[in-house]
Protein backbone atom coordinates (compact mmCIF):
# COMPACT_ATOMS: atom_id res chain seq x y z
CA MET A 1 10.39 5.27 9.71
CA PHE A 2 9.59 3.15 6.71
CA THR A 3 11.62 1.08 4.26
CA GLY A 4 9.12 0.71 1.43
CA VAL A 5 5.99 2.03 -0.20
CA LYS A 6 3.19 0.20 -2.04
CA VAL A 7 0.70 2.15 -4.15
CA PHE A 8 -2.72 0.85 -5.19
CA SER A 9 -4.89 2.90 -7.52
CA ALA A 10 -8.06 2.38 -9.48
CA THR A 11 -9.94 4.53 -11.97
CA LYS A 12 -12.39 2.23 -13.73
CA ALA A 13 -15.48 0.99 -11.90
CA LYS A 14 -14.40 -2.67 -12.02
CA GLU A 15 -10.94 -1.77 -10.67
CA ARG A 16 -12.51 0.22 -7.82
CA GLU A 17 -14.73 -2.74 -6.94
CA GLU A 18 -11.69 -5.03 -6.75
CA LEU A 19 -9.37 -2.62 -4.95
CA GLY A 20 -10.09 -3.89 -1.44
CA GLU A 21 -9.57 -7.51 -2.49
CA ASN A 22 -6.28 -6.61 -4.19
CA VAL A 23 -5.04 -4.82 -1.08
CA THR A 24 -6.08 -7.72 1.16
CA ARG A 25 -4.36 -10.22 -1.13
CA TRP A 26 -1.13 -8.17 -1.11
CA LEU A 27 -1.22 -7.81 2.69
CA LYS A 28 -1.68 -11.54 3.16
CA SER A 29 1.17 -12.37 0.78
CA ASN A 30 3.41 -9.85 2.58
CA ALA A 31 2.49 -10.68 6.17
CA ASP A 32 6.11 -10.17 7.24
CA LEU A 33 5.77 -6.41 6.60
CA GLU A 34 4.59 -3.93 9.22
CA ILE A 35 2.35 -1.17 7.88
CA VAL A 36 3.47 2.03 9.61
CA ASP A 37 1.31 4.60 7.81
CA ARG A 38 -1.15 5.00 4.98
CA VAL A 39 -2.62 7.72 2.79
CA VAL A 40 -5.96 7.44 1.01
CA CYS A 41 -6.85 9.84 -1.80
CA GLN A 42 -9.83 10.27 -4.05
CA SER A 43 -9.87 12.50 -7.09
CA SER A 44 -12.54 13.08 -9.70
CA ASP A 45 -13.25 14.89 -12.90
CA ASN A 46 -16.37 14.85 -15.07
CA GLU A 47 -15.79 11.27 -16.20
CA PHE A 48 -13.45 9.44 -13.85
CA HIS A 49 -13.17 8.82 -10.11
CA CYS A 50 -9.74 7.65 -9.01
CA TYR A 51 -8.98 6.06 -5.65
CA THR A 52 -5.42 5.73 -4.45
CA LEU A 53 -4.16 3.93 -1.36
CA VAL A 54 -0.51 4.34 -0.41
CA LEU A 55 0.91 2.00 2.23
CA PHE A 56 4.19 2.79 3.97
CA TYR A 57 5.81 -0.26 5.50
CA LYS A 58 8.91 -1.60 7.13
CA HIS A 59 10.22 -5.11 7.14
CA GLY A 60 9.40 -7.30 10.13
CA LYS A 61 11.90 -7.81 12.92
CA SER A 62 13.00 -11.16 11.48
CA GLN A 63 14.04 -9.42 8.26
CA GLN A 64 15.57 -6.23 9.63
CA GLN A 65 19.24 -5.89 9.00
CA PRO A 66 21.56 -4.75 11.78
CA PRO A 67 22.47 -1.03 11.74
CA GLN A 68 25.50 -0.20 9.65
CA GLN A 69 28.56 1.01 11.47
CA PRO A 70 29.70 4.55 10.59
């Protein structure tokens, strides 16, 4: 189960070169999150190549809220 989603995408060459650094920076600044799944996609046409990384996460144990009573 996850509580949030973060999407990274890049189409231009410079953006693609920086994508890994951007993901690493986000992960470090959100170290309290637990990544539970990920999806990586690449799509292309005659001119553009787009990379997309989708991270599914849940908040760390210290931030989880107790279950709600029915």
